[in-house]
Amino acid sequence: MFDIKTFLKTYTNRIIAITVAIHFLVEALFAGMPNAFEMHSWNTHYFSVWQPLSYMFLHADFLHLLFNMLGLWFFGQVLERTWGGPRLLAFYLLCGIGAAVISQLIDHYLLHQISGRMVGASGAIYGILVAFAMLSPNQKIMLIFLPVPISVKIFVPILLLIDLTGGMTGFSVFGGNIAHFAHIGGAIVGGFLCLMWKRRIF
């Protein structure tokens, strides 16, 4: 029998529960319409200072939410056991914020375009994936679309290469409306934080 108190003992599960609750609340209030909690381009009047944080807790649809939360649940629990809950939470939020900032910088200063509205925890999840790969590079995982186990030290670089290619060319194997540079940004921040913590810089 499902016990909510037991489930909410870990920070990973608390993040999941809050994200799921916010998703359905926002769906009920806005029914998929644009709102002030999505990440909007910072050179438009739709932008607000809280959006680099709030956008992480919104998702385009249930499948978007499901895949992100499954990724957090599988990999976040391992990191939480290694780091502890407070550090996992800080890492997750910093990766998500960093993903939004880096995505905006690339869009504005490299691609010279205005970013569309962005939602989702994918950037933070990419940070989690990179951290997991750095801590357990030889760990093998099974994927729905791949019938054989693959080590994370191979899977994560391939995933990042696919995102980089998709961001630069506009062609994506994941479908349309994918914030590829947010994924890259979350991975960069995640890798940087792991290196700094390993060296005990902060």
N, C-alpha and C. Protein backbone atom coordinates (compact mmCIF):
# COMPACT_ATOMS: atom_id res chain seq x y z
N MET A 1 0.85 -1.20 0.00
CA MET A 1 0.00 0.00 0.00
C MET A 1 0.88 1.25 0.00
N PHE A 2 0.51 2.21 -0.82
CA PHE A 2 1.30 3.43 -0.93
C PHE A 2 1.19 4.27 0.33
N ASP A 3 2.35 4.65 0.88
CA ASP A 3 2.41 5.47 2.09
C ASP A 3 3.04 6.82 1.74
N ILE A 4 2.24 7.87 1.74
CA ILE A 4 2.72 9.18 1.32
C ILE A 4 3.82 9.70 2.25
N LYS A 5 3.74 9.41 3.54
CA LYS A 5 4.76 9.89 4.48
C LYS A 5 6.11 9.25 4.20
N THR A 6 6.08 7.95 3.90
CA THR A 6 7.32 7.26 3.56
C THR A 6 7.88 7.79 2.25
N PHE A 7 7.01 7.99 1.28
CA PHE A 7 7.43 8.49 -0.03
C PHE A 7 8.12 9.84 0.09
N LEU A 8 7.60 10.72 0.94
CA LEU A 8 8.11 12.08 1.03
C LEU A 8 9.31 12.23 1.96
N LYS A 9 9.89 11.12 2.41
CA LYS A 9 11.05 11.20 3.28
C LYS A 9 12.30 11.66 2.54
N THR A 10 12.37 11.41 1.25
CA THR A 10 13.56 11.80 0.49
C THR A 10 13.31 13.11 -0.25
N TYR A 11 14.37 13.88 -0.45
CA TYR A 11 14.28 15.13 -1.19
C TYR A 11 13.90 14.87 -2.64
N THR A 12 14.42 13.78 -3.21
CA THR A 12 14.08 13.44 -4.60
C THR A 12 12.58 13.31 -4.76
N ASN A 13 11.94 12.56 -3.89
CA ASN A 13 10.50 12.35 -3.99
C ASN A 13 9.72 13.62 -3.67
N ARG A 14 10.25 14.47 -2.81
CA ARG A 14 9.57 15.73 -2.53
C ARG A 14 9.57 16.63 -3.75
N ILE A 15 10.70 16.67 -4.46
CA ILE A 15 10.76 17.46 -5.70
C ILE A 15 9.74 16.93 -6.70
N ILE A 16 9.68 15.61 -6.82
CA ILE A 16 8.72 14.99 -7.75
C ILE A 16 7.29 15.35 -7.37
N ALA A 17 6.96 15.21 -6.09
CA ALA A 17 5.60 15.49 -5.64
C ALA A 17 5.22 16.95 -5.88
N ILE A 18 6.12 17.88 -5.58
CA ILE A 18 5.84 19.30 -5.79
C ILE A 18 5.67 19.60 -7.27
N THR A 19 6.53 19.02 -8.11
CA THR A 19 6.46 19.26 -9.55
C THR A 19 5.16 18.72 -10.14
N VAL A 20 4.77 17.52 -9.74
CA VAL A 20 3.52 16.93 -10.23
C VAL A 20 2.33 17.78 -9.79
N ALA A 21 2.32 18.19 -8.53
CA ALA A 21 1.21 19.01 -8.02
C ALA A 21 1.11 20.33 -8.77
N ILE A 22 2.26 20.97 -9.01
CA ILE A 22 2.25 22.25 -9.73
C ILE A 22 1.78 22.06 -11.17
N HIS A 23 2.20 20.96 -11.80
CA HIS A 23 1.77 20.70 -13.18
C HIS A 23 0.25 20.68 -13.29
N PHE A 24 -0.39 19.90 -12.43
CA PHE A 24 -1.84 19.78 -12.52
C PHE A 24 -2.56 21.06 -12.08
N LEU A 25 -1.97 21.78 -11.13
CA LEU A 25 -2.56 23.06 -10.71
C LEU A 25 -2.52 24.07 -11.86
N VAL A 26 -1.35 24.17 -12.52
CA VAL A 26 -1.21 25.10 -13.63
C VAL A 26 -2.11 24.70 -14.80
N GLU A 27 -2.22 23.40 -15.06
CA GLU A 27 -3.12 22.93 -16.11
C GLU A 27 -4.56 23.33 -15.80
N ALA A 28 -4.95 23.22 -14.55
CA ALA A 28 -6.32 23.57 -14.16
C ALA A 28 -6.57 25.07 -14.29
N LEU A 29 -5.55 25.87 -13.98
CA LEU A 29 -5.72 27.33 -13.99
C LEU A 29 -5.59 27.93 -15.37
N PHE A 30 -4.64 27.41 -16.16
CA PHE A 30 -4.32 28.06 -17.44
C PHE A 30 -4.66 27.23 -18.68
N ALA A 31 -4.93 25.93 -18.49
CA ALA A 31 -5.34 25.04 -19.58
C ALA A 31 -4.42 25.13 -20.79
N GLY A 32 -3.11 25.14 -20.55
CA GLY A 32 -2.14 25.16 -21.64
C GLY A 32 -1.85 26.52 -22.23
N MET A 33 -2.49 27.56 -21.75
CA MET A 33 -2.25 28.90 -22.27
C MET A 33 -0.96 29.47 -21.68
N PRO A 34 -0.29 30.40 -22.39
CA PRO A 34 0.91 31.04 -21.83
C PRO A 34 0.63 31.70 -20.48
N ASN A 35 1.62 31.67 -19.61
CA ASN A 35 1.45 32.28 -18.30
C ASN A 35 2.76 32.87 -17.81
N ALA A 36 2.72 33.57 -16.71
CA ALA A 36 3.88 34.32 -16.22
C ALA A 36 4.92 33.46 -15.53
N PHE A 37 4.68 32.15 -15.44
CA PHE A 37 5.63 31.26 -14.76
C PHE A 37 6.50 30.48 -15.74
N GLU A 38 6.18 30.53 -17.03
CA GLU A 38 7.04 29.93 -18.05
C GLU A 38 8.27 30.80 -18.25
N MET A 39 9.30 30.22 -18.86
CA MET A 39 10.51 30.99 -19.15
C MET A 39 10.33 31.71 -20.48
N HIS A 40 10.25 33.05 -20.41
CA HIS A 40 10.14 33.87 -21.61
C HIS A 40 11.48 34.57 -21.87
N SER A 41 11.69 34.96 -23.10
CA SER A 41 12.92 35.66 -23.46
C SER A 41 13.07 36.92 -22.62
N TRP A 42 14.31 37.17 -22.12
CA TRP A 42 14.49 38.28 -21.20
C TRP A 42 14.51 39.66 -21.87
N ASN A 43 14.43 39.70 -23.19
CA ASN A 43 14.33 41.00 -23.85
C ASN A 43 12.90 41.27 -24.35
N THR A 44 11.93 40.59 -23.73
CA THR A 44 10.53 40.86 -24.02
C THR A 44 9.83 41.27 -22.73
N HIS A 45 8.67 41.89 -22.88
CA HIS A 45 7.94 42.36 -21.69
C HIS A 45 7.26 41.21 -20.95
N TYR A 46 7.33 39.98 -21.49
CA TYR A 46 6.76 38.82 -20.81
C TYR A 46 7.68 38.27 -19.73
N PHE A 47 8.94 38.68 -19.75
CA PHE A 47 9.93 38.11 -18.81
C PHE A 47 9.75 38.67 -17.40
N SER A 48 9.92 37.79 -16.40
CA SER A 48 9.94 38.16 -14.98
C SER A 48 11.10 37.44 -14.31
N VAL A 49 11.63 38.03 -13.25
CA VAL A 49 12.87 37.53 -12.65
C VAL A 49 12.73 36.13 -12.05
N TRP A 50 11.52 35.71 -11.72
CA TRP A 50 11.35 34.39 -11.11
C TRP A 50 11.29 33.26 -12.14
N GLN A 51 11.18 33.59 -13.40
CA GLN A 51 10.97 32.57 -14.42
C GLN A 51 12.11 31.56 -14.58
N PRO A 52 13.40 31.95 -14.41
CA PRO A 52 14.46 30.92 -14.49
C PRO A 52 14.33 29.84 -13.44
N LEU A 53 13.53 30.07 -12.41
CA LEU A 53 13.26 29.04 -11.41
C LEU A 53 11.90 28.39 -11.64
N SER A 54 10.89 29.20 -11.85
CA SER A 54 9.52 28.66 -11.92
C SER A 54 9.28 27.77 -13.13
N TYR A 55 9.97 28.03 -14.24
CA TYR A 55 9.72 27.25 -15.46
C TYR A 55 10.04 25.77 -15.27
N MET A 56 10.94 25.46 -14.33
CA MET A 56 11.35 24.09 -14.09
C MET A 56 10.21 23.21 -13.60
N PHE A 57 9.21 23.83 -12.98
CA PHE A 57 8.13 23.07 -12.36
C PHE A 57 6.89 22.98 -13.26
N LEU A 58 7.02 23.49 -14.50
CA LEU A 58 5.93 23.41 -15.47
C LEU A 58 6.34 22.47 -16.59
N HIS A 59 5.36 21.81 -17.19
CA HIS A 59 5.66 20.89 -18.29
C HIS A 59 4.61 21.00 -19.38
N ALA A 60 5.03 20.71 -20.61
CA ALA A 60 4.16 20.90 -21.77
C ALA A 60 2.96 19.95 -21.73
N ASP A 61 3.19 18.72 -21.29
CA ASP A 61 2.11 17.74 -21.21
C ASP A 61 2.51 16.64 -20.23
N PHE A 62 1.63 15.67 -20.07
CA PHE A 62 1.88 14.63 -19.07
C PHE A 62 3.10 13.78 -19.40
N LEU A 63 3.31 13.45 -20.70
CA LEU A 63 4.48 12.64 -21.07
C LEU A 63 5.78 13.38 -20.78
N HIS A 64 5.81 14.68 -21.04
CA HIS A 64 6.97 15.51 -20.72
C HIS A 64 7.28 15.43 -19.23
N LEU A 65 6.23 15.59 -18.43
CA LEU A 65 6.36 15.48 -16.97
C LEU A 65 6.82 14.09 -16.57
N LEU A 66 6.21 13.06 -17.14
CA LEU A 66 6.51 11.68 -16.76
C LEU A 66 7.97 11.32 -17.01
N PHE A 67 8.47 11.61 -18.20
CA PHE A 67 9.86 11.24 -18.52
C PHE A 67 10.86 12.00 -17.66
N ASN A 68 10.60 13.29 -17.41
CA ASN A 68 11.52 14.04 -16.55
C ASN A 68 11.52 13.52 -15.13
N MET A 69 10.35 13.22 -14.59
CA MET A 69 10.27 12.76 -13.21
C MET A 69 10.82 11.34 -13.06
N LEU A 70 10.66 10.50 -14.10
CA LEU A 70 11.28 9.18 -14.06
C LEU A 70 12.81 9.30 -14.03
N GLY A 71 13.34 10.21 -14.83
CA GLY A 71 14.78 10.45 -14.83
C GLY A 71 15.27 10.92 -13.47
N LEU A 72 14.52 11.84 -12.88
CA LEU A 72 14.89 12.33 -11.55
C LEU A 72 14.82 11.22 -10.52
N TRP A 73 13.78 10.40 -10.61
CA TRP A 73 13.60 9.34 -9.62
C TRP A 73 14.70 8.28 -9.73
N PHE A 74 15.05 7.87 -10.95
CA PHE A 74 16.08 6.84 -11.14
C PHE A 74 17.46 7.32 -10.71
N PHE A 75 17.84 8.51 -11.14
CA PHE A 75 19.21 8.97 -10.94
C PHE A 75 19.36 9.88 -9.71
N GLY A 76 18.30 10.63 -9.41
CA GLY A 76 18.37 11.54 -8.26
C GLY A 76 18.53 10.82 -6.94
N GLN A 77 17.90 9.66 -6.81
CA GLN A 77 18.00 8.91 -5.56
C GLN A 77 19.44 8.48 -5.28
N VAL A 78 20.14 8.09 -6.33
CA VAL A 78 21.54 7.68 -6.18
C VAL A 78 22.38 8.86 -5.71
N LEU A 79 22.18 10.02 -6.34
CA LEU A 79 22.94 11.20 -5.95
C LEU A 79 22.59 11.64 -4.54
N GLU A 80 21.33 11.52 -4.17
CA GLU A 80 20.92 11.91 -2.82
C GLU A 80 21.58 11.03 -1.77
N ARG A 81 21.70 9.74 -2.04
CA ARG A 81 22.38 8.86 -1.09
C ARG A 81 23.85 9.20 -0.96
N THR A 82 24.44 9.73 -2.03
CA THR A 82 25.86 10.10 -2.00
C THR A 82 26.09 11.46 -1.38
N TRP A 83 25.26 12.43 -1.75
CA TRP A 83 25.45 13.83 -1.33
C TRP A 83 24.63 14.24 -0.12
N GLY A 84 23.47 13.61 0.04
CA GLY A 84 22.50 14.10 1.00
C GLY A 84 21.44 14.94 0.29
N GLY A 85 20.28 15.06 0.92
CA GLY A 85 19.16 15.75 0.31
C GLY A 85 19.37 17.23 0.02
N PRO A 86 19.87 18.01 1.00
CA PRO A 86 20.04 19.45 0.75
C PRO A 86 20.95 19.75 -0.43
N ARG A 87 22.05 19.00 -0.56
CA ARG A 87 22.96 19.26 -1.69
C ARG A 87 22.31 18.85 -3.01
N LEU A 88 21.56 17.76 -3.01
CA LEU A 88 20.85 17.37 -4.23
C LEU A 88 19.88 18.47 -4.66
N LEU A 89 19.13 18.99 -3.71
CA LEU A 89 18.16 20.05 -4.02
C LEU A 89 18.86 21.28 -4.60
N ALA A 90 19.95 21.70 -3.96
CA ALA A 90 20.70 22.86 -4.45
C ALA A 90 21.23 22.60 -5.85
N PHE A 91 21.76 21.40 -6.07
CA PHE A 91 22.30 21.03 -7.38
C PHE A 91 21.21 21.06 -8.44
N TYR A 92 20.08 20.48 -8.15
CA TYR A 92 18.95 20.41 -9.09
C TYR A 92 18.49 21.81 -9.48
N LEU A 93 18.30 22.68 -8.50
CA LEU A 93 17.83 24.03 -8.79
C LEU A 93 18.87 24.84 -9.56
N LEU A 94 20.14 24.71 -9.19
CA LEU A 94 21.19 25.44 -9.90
C LEU A 94 21.33 24.98 -11.34
N CYS A 95 21.19 23.69 -11.57
CA CYS A 95 21.26 23.17 -12.95
C CYS A 95 20.09 23.70 -13.77
N GLY A 96 18.91 23.74 -13.19
CA GLY A 96 17.75 24.24 -13.91
C GLY A 96 17.86 25.72 -14.23
N ILE A 97 18.31 26.50 -13.25
CA ILE A 97 18.50 27.94 -13.47
C ILE A 97 19.60 28.18 -14.50
N GLY A 98 20.70 27.45 -14.35
CA GLY A 98 21.81 27.58 -15.29
C GLY A 98 21.40 27.20 -16.71
N ALA A 99 20.54 26.18 -16.84
CA ALA A 99 20.06 25.77 -18.15
C ALA A 99 19.31 26.91 -18.83
N ALA A 100 18.46 27.61 -18.07
CA ALA A 100 17.70 28.73 -18.63
C ALA A 100 18.62 29.86 -19.05
N VAL A 101 19.59 30.20 -18.20
CA VAL A 101 20.50 31.32 -18.49
C VAL A 101 21.35 31.01 -19.72
N ILE A 102 21.95 29.82 -19.76
CA ILE A 102 22.82 29.47 -20.88
C ILE A 102 22.03 29.40 -22.19
N SER A 103 20.84 28.84 -22.13
CA SER A 103 19.99 28.78 -23.32
C SER A 103 19.68 30.18 -23.85
N GLN A 104 19.38 31.10 -22.93
CA GLN A 104 19.10 32.48 -23.33
C GLN A 104 20.34 33.14 -23.94
N LEU A 105 21.49 32.93 -23.33
CA LEU A 105 22.73 33.53 -23.84
C LEU A 105 23.04 33.03 -25.25
N ILE A 106 22.90 31.73 -25.47
CA ILE A 106 23.17 31.17 -26.80
C ILE A 106 22.20 31.72 -27.83
N ASP A 107 20.92 31.75 -27.47
CA ASP A 107 19.92 32.27 -28.41
C ASP A 107 20.19 33.72 -28.78
N HIS A 108 20.54 34.54 -27.79
CA HIS A 108 20.70 35.97 -28.03
C HIS A 108 22.02 36.32 -28.71
N TYR A 109 23.11 35.75 -28.21
CA TYR A 109 24.43 36.24 -28.62
C TYR A 109 25.13 35.37 -29.67
N LEU A 110 24.71 34.11 -29.80
CA LEU A 110 25.30 33.25 -30.83
C LEU A 110 24.36 33.06 -32.02
N LEU A 111 23.08 32.84 -31.74
CA LEU A 111 22.12 32.59 -32.81
C LEU A 111 21.34 33.84 -33.19
N HIS A 112 21.44 34.90 -32.37
CA HIS A 112 20.78 36.18 -32.64
C HIS A 112 19.28 35.99 -32.89
N GLN A 113 18.66 35.28 -31.98
CA GLN A 113 17.22 35.08 -32.08
C GLN A 113 16.56 35.23 -30.72
N ILE A 114 15.27 35.48 -30.73
CA ILE A 114 14.51 35.61 -29.49
C ILE A 114 14.00 34.23 -29.09
N SER A 115 14.24 33.85 -27.85
CA SER A 115 13.81 32.54 -27.37
C SER A 115 12.29 32.47 -27.29
N GLY A 116 11.76 31.29 -27.60
CA GLY A 116 10.35 31.06 -27.36
C GLY A 116 10.12 30.73 -25.90
N ARG A 117 8.88 30.62 -25.51
CA ARG A 117 8.60 30.26 -24.11
C ARG A 117 9.07 28.83 -23.85
N MET A 118 9.59 28.61 -22.66
CA MET A 118 10.22 27.33 -22.33
C MET A 118 9.69 26.82 -20.99
N VAL A 119 9.40 25.53 -20.93
CA VAL A 119 8.96 24.91 -19.68
C VAL A 119 9.67 23.56 -19.53
N GLY A 120 9.75 23.10 -18.29
CA GLY A 120 10.25 21.76 -18.06
C GLY A 120 11.52 21.68 -17.25
N ALA A 121 11.71 20.53 -16.61
CA ALA A 121 12.87 20.29 -15.77
C ALA A 121 14.00 19.60 -16.52
N SER A 122 13.91 19.54 -17.86
CA SER A 122 14.88 18.76 -18.62
C SER A 122 16.32 19.22 -18.42
N GLY A 123 16.53 20.54 -18.35
CA GLY A 123 17.88 21.05 -18.12
C GLY A 123 18.45 20.56 -16.80
N ALA A 124 17.63 20.59 -15.75
CA ALA A 124 18.06 20.09 -14.44
C ALA A 124 18.31 18.59 -14.49
N ILE A 125 17.48 17.85 -15.24
CA ILE A 125 17.65 16.41 -15.36
C ILE A 125 18.96 16.08 -16.08
N TYR A 126 19.32 16.88 -17.08
CA TYR A 126 20.60 16.67 -17.76
C TYR A 126 21.76 16.89 -16.79
N GLY A 127 21.63 17.86 -15.91
CA GLY A 127 22.65 18.04 -14.88
C GLY A 127 22.76 16.82 -13.99
N ILE A 128 21.61 16.26 -13.61
CA ILE A 128 21.58 15.04 -12.81
C ILE A 128 22.25 13.88 -13.56
N LEU A 129 21.96 13.75 -14.86
CA LEU A 129 22.56 12.69 -15.66
C LEU A 129 24.08 12.81 -15.72
N VAL A 130 24.56 14.04 -15.94
CA VAL A 130 26.00 14.25 -16.02
C VAL A 130 26.66 13.92 -14.68
N ALA A 131 26.04 14.33 -13.59
CA ALA A 131 26.59 14.02 -12.26
C ALA A 131 26.65 12.52 -12.03
N PHE A 132 25.59 11.83 -12.41
CA PHE A 132 25.56 10.37 -12.25
C PHE A 132 26.67 9.72 -13.08
N ALA A 133 26.85 10.22 -14.31
CA ALA A 133 27.90 9.66 -15.17
C ALA A 133 29.29 9.92 -14.61
N MET A 134 29.48 11.07 -13.96
CA MET A 134 30.79 11.39 -13.38
C MET A 134 31.06 10.57 -12.13
N LEU A 135 30.02 10.26 -11.38
CA LEU A 135 30.19 9.49 -10.14
C LEU A 135 30.24 7.99 -10.40
N SER A 136 29.47 7.53 -11.40
CA SER A 136 29.41 6.08 -11.70
C SER A 136 29.52 5.85 -13.20
N PRO A 137 30.68 6.15 -13.79
CA PRO A 137 30.79 6.11 -15.26
C PRO A 137 30.57 4.74 -15.88
N ASN A 138 30.87 3.69 -15.15
CA ASN A 138 30.74 2.34 -15.72
C ASN A 138 29.40 1.69 -15.44
N GLN A 139 28.53 2.40 -14.72
CA GLN A 139 27.20 1.87 -14.45
C GLN A 139 26.42 1.71 -15.76
N LYS A 140 25.79 0.56 -15.94
CA LYS A 140 25.03 0.31 -17.15
C LYS A 140 23.54 0.51 -16.89
N ILE A 141 22.86 1.04 -17.90
CA ILE A 141 21.43 1.29 -17.79
C ILE A 141 20.72 0.67 -18.98
N MET A 142 19.44 0.35 -18.79
CA MET A 142 18.60 -0.16 -19.87
C MET A 142 17.65 0.94 -20.30
N LEU A 143 17.51 1.11 -21.61
CA LEU A 143 16.64 2.13 -22.16
C LEU A 143 15.49 1.48 -22.92
N ILE A 144 14.35 2.16 -22.94
CA ILE A 144 13.18 1.62 -23.62
C ILE A 144 13.46 1.37 -25.10
N PHE A 145 14.18 2.32 -25.72
CA PHE A 145 14.40 2.24 -27.17
C PHE A 145 15.69 1.51 -27.54
N LEU A 146 16.42 0.97 -26.54
CA LEU A 146 17.66 0.26 -26.83
C LEU A 146 17.63 -1.08 -26.09
N PRO A 147 17.69 -2.20 -26.81
CA PRO A 147 17.46 -3.51 -26.19
C PRO A 147 18.66 -4.06 -25.41
N VAL A 148 19.78 -3.35 -25.40
CA VAL A 148 20.96 -3.85 -24.69
C VAL A 148 21.42 -2.81 -23.67
N PRO A 149 22.05 -3.25 -22.57
CA PRO A 149 22.55 -2.28 -21.58
C PRO A 149 23.65 -1.41 -22.18
N ILE A 150 23.72 -0.18 -21.72
CA ILE A 150 24.75 0.75 -22.18
C ILE A 150 25.29 1.50 -20.97
N SER A 151 26.60 1.70 -20.90
CA SER A 151 27.19 2.40 -19.76
C SER A 151 26.90 3.89 -19.88
N VAL A 152 26.75 4.55 -18.74
CA VAL A 152 26.38 5.97 -18.77
C VAL A 152 27.50 6.83 -19.33
N LYS A 153 28.76 6.38 -19.25
CA LYS A 153 29.86 7.17 -19.80
C LYS A 153 29.80 7.22 -21.33
N ILE A 154 29.06 6.29 -21.92
CA ILE A 154 28.83 6.31 -23.37
C ILE A 154 27.50 6.98 -23.70
N PHE A 155 26.47 6.66 -22.92
CA PHE A 155 25.13 7.17 -23.19
C PHE A 155 25.05 8.68 -23.07
N VAL A 156 25.59 9.25 -22.00
CA VAL A 156 25.45 10.69 -21.77
C VAL A 156 26.14 11.53 -22.85
N PRO A 157 27.40 11.23 -23.24
CA PRO A 157 28.00 12.00 -24.34
C PRO A 157 27.22 11.89 -25.66
N ILE A 158 26.68 10.71 -25.95
CA ILE A 158 25.88 10.55 -27.17
C ILE A 158 24.64 11.43 -27.10
N LEU A 159 23.99 11.44 -25.93
CA LEU A 159 22.80 12.25 -25.74
C LEU A 159 23.12 13.73 -25.92
N LEU A 160 24.24 14.18 -25.37
CA LEU A 160 24.63 15.58 -25.49
C LEU A 160 24.98 15.93 -26.93
N LEU A 161 25.61 15.00 -27.64
CA LEU A 161 25.94 15.24 -29.05
C LEU A 161 24.67 15.37 -29.89
N ILE A 162 23.67 14.54 -29.60
CA ILE A 162 22.39 14.63 -30.30
C ILE A 162 21.75 15.99 -30.05
N ASP A 163 21.80 16.47 -28.80
CA ASP A 163 21.23 17.77 -28.48
C ASP A 163 21.99 18.91 -29.14
N LEU A 164 23.31 18.82 -29.13
CA LEU A 164 24.11 19.86 -29.77
C LEU A 164 23.81 19.93 -31.26
N THR A 165 23.73 18.77 -31.90
CA THR A 165 23.41 18.72 -33.32
C THR A 165 22.01 19.27 -33.59
N GLY A 166 21.06 18.89 -32.75
CA GLY A 166 19.70 19.38 -32.91
C GLY A 166 19.60 20.88 -32.73
N GLY A 167 20.33 21.41 -31.75
CA GLY A 167 20.32 22.85 -31.51
C GLY A 167 20.94 23.64 -32.64
N MET A 168 22.00 23.11 -33.23
CA MET A 168 22.71 23.82 -34.29
C MET A 168 22.02 23.71 -35.65
N THR A 169 21.38 22.57 -35.90
CA THR A 169 20.79 22.34 -37.22
C THR A 169 19.28 22.56 -37.26
N GLY A 170 18.64 22.50 -36.10
CA GLY A 170 17.19 22.60 -36.07
C GLY A 170 16.48 21.28 -36.29
N PHE A 171 17.25 20.23 -36.63
CA PHE A 171 16.66 18.90 -36.81
C PHE A 171 16.81 18.12 -35.51
N SER A 172 15.71 17.56 -35.03
CA SER A 172 15.76 16.86 -33.76
C SER A 172 15.12 15.48 -33.87
N VAL A 173 15.83 14.47 -33.38
CA VAL A 173 15.25 13.12 -33.34
C VAL A 173 14.22 12.99 -32.23
N PHE A 174 14.19 13.98 -31.32
CA PHE A 174 13.24 13.95 -30.21
C PHE A 174 11.91 14.61 -30.56
N GLY A 175 11.81 15.22 -31.74
CA GLY A 175 10.59 15.92 -32.11
C GLY A 175 10.78 17.42 -32.05
N GLY A 176 9.70 18.15 -32.27
CA GLY A 176 9.77 19.60 -32.30
C GLY A 176 9.68 20.24 -30.92
N ASN A 177 9.95 21.54 -30.88
CA ASN A 177 9.83 22.34 -29.65
C ASN A 177 10.69 21.82 -28.51
N ILE A 178 11.90 21.38 -28.83
CA ILE A 178 12.84 20.89 -27.82
C ILE A 178 13.88 21.97 -27.54
N ALA A 179 14.07 22.30 -26.27
CA ALA A 179 15.06 23.33 -25.90
C ALA A 179 16.43 22.68 -25.76
N HIS A 180 17.07 22.39 -26.89
CA HIS A 180 18.33 21.66 -26.88
C HIS A 180 19.41 22.37 -26.09
N PHE A 181 19.49 23.68 -26.21
CA PHE A 181 20.56 24.39 -25.52
C PHE A 181 20.30 24.51 -24.02
N ALA A 182 19.05 24.36 -23.60
CA ALA A 182 18.77 24.26 -22.17
C ALA A 182 19.32 22.93 -21.63
N HIS A 183 19.18 21.88 -22.42
CA HIS A 183 19.75 20.58 -22.03
C HIS A 183 21.28 20.70 -21.89
N ILE A 184 21.89 21.30 -22.90
CA ILE A 184 23.34 21.50 -22.87
C ILE A 184 23.74 22.35 -21.68
N GLY A 185 22.97 23.42 -21.43
CA GLY A 185 23.27 24.31 -20.31
C GLY A 185 23.20 23.60 -18.97
N GLY A 186 22.16 22.78 -18.77
CA GLY A 186 22.05 22.03 -17.52
C GLY A 186 23.20 21.06 -17.34
N ALA A 187 23.63 20.44 -18.44
CA ALA A 187 24.77 19.51 -18.39
C ALA A 187 26.06 20.24 -18.03
N ILE A 188 26.26 21.43 -18.61
CA ILE A 188 27.47 22.22 -18.32
C ILE A 188 27.52 22.60 -16.84
N VAL A 189 26.40 23.11 -16.33
CA VAL A 189 26.36 23.51 -14.92
C VAL A 189 26.55 22.31 -14.01
N GLY A 190 25.91 21.19 -14.35
CA GLY A 190 26.06 19.98 -13.54
C GLY A 190 27.50 19.49 -13.49
N GLY A 191 28.16 19.47 -14.64
CA GLY A 191 29.56 19.04 -14.68
C GLY A 191 30.46 19.98 -13.90
N PHE A 192 30.21 21.29 -14.04
CA PHE A 192 31.01 22.28 -13.33
C PHE A 192 30.86 22.13 -11.82
N LEU A 193 29.62 21.98 -11.34
CA LEU A 193 29.39 21.83 -9.90
C LEU A 193 30.06 20.57 -9.36
N CYS A 194 29.97 19.48 -10.11
CA CYS A 194 30.60 18.24 -9.66
C CYS A 194 32.11 18.40 -9.53
N LEU A 195 32.73 19.07 -10.49
CA LEU A 195 34.18 19.29 -10.43
C LEU A 195 34.56 20.18 -9.25
N MET A 196 33.76 21.22 -9.01
CA MET A 196 34.05 22.13 -7.90
C MET A 196 33.90 21.42 -6.55
N TRP A 197 32.85 20.59 -6.43
CA TRP A 197 32.65 19.88 -5.18
C TRP A 197 33.72 18.81 -4.97
N LYS A 198 34.16 18.19 -6.06
CA LYS A 198 35.21 17.17 -5.95
C LYS A 198 36.52 17.81 -5.45
N ARG A 199 36.77 19.04 -5.88
CA ARG A 199 37.98 19.75 -5.46
C ARG A 199 37.77 20.52 -4.17
N ARG A 200 36.57 20.43 -3.62
CA ARG A 200 36.20 21.09 -2.36
C ARG A 200 36.41 22.62 -2.43
N ILE A 201 36.10 23.18 -3.62
CA ILE A 201 36.21 24.63 -3.80
C ILE A 201 35.06 25.34 -3.13
N PHE A 202 33.85 24.76 -3.20
CA PHE A 202 32.71 25.30 -2.45
C PHE A 202 31.72 24.19 -2.23
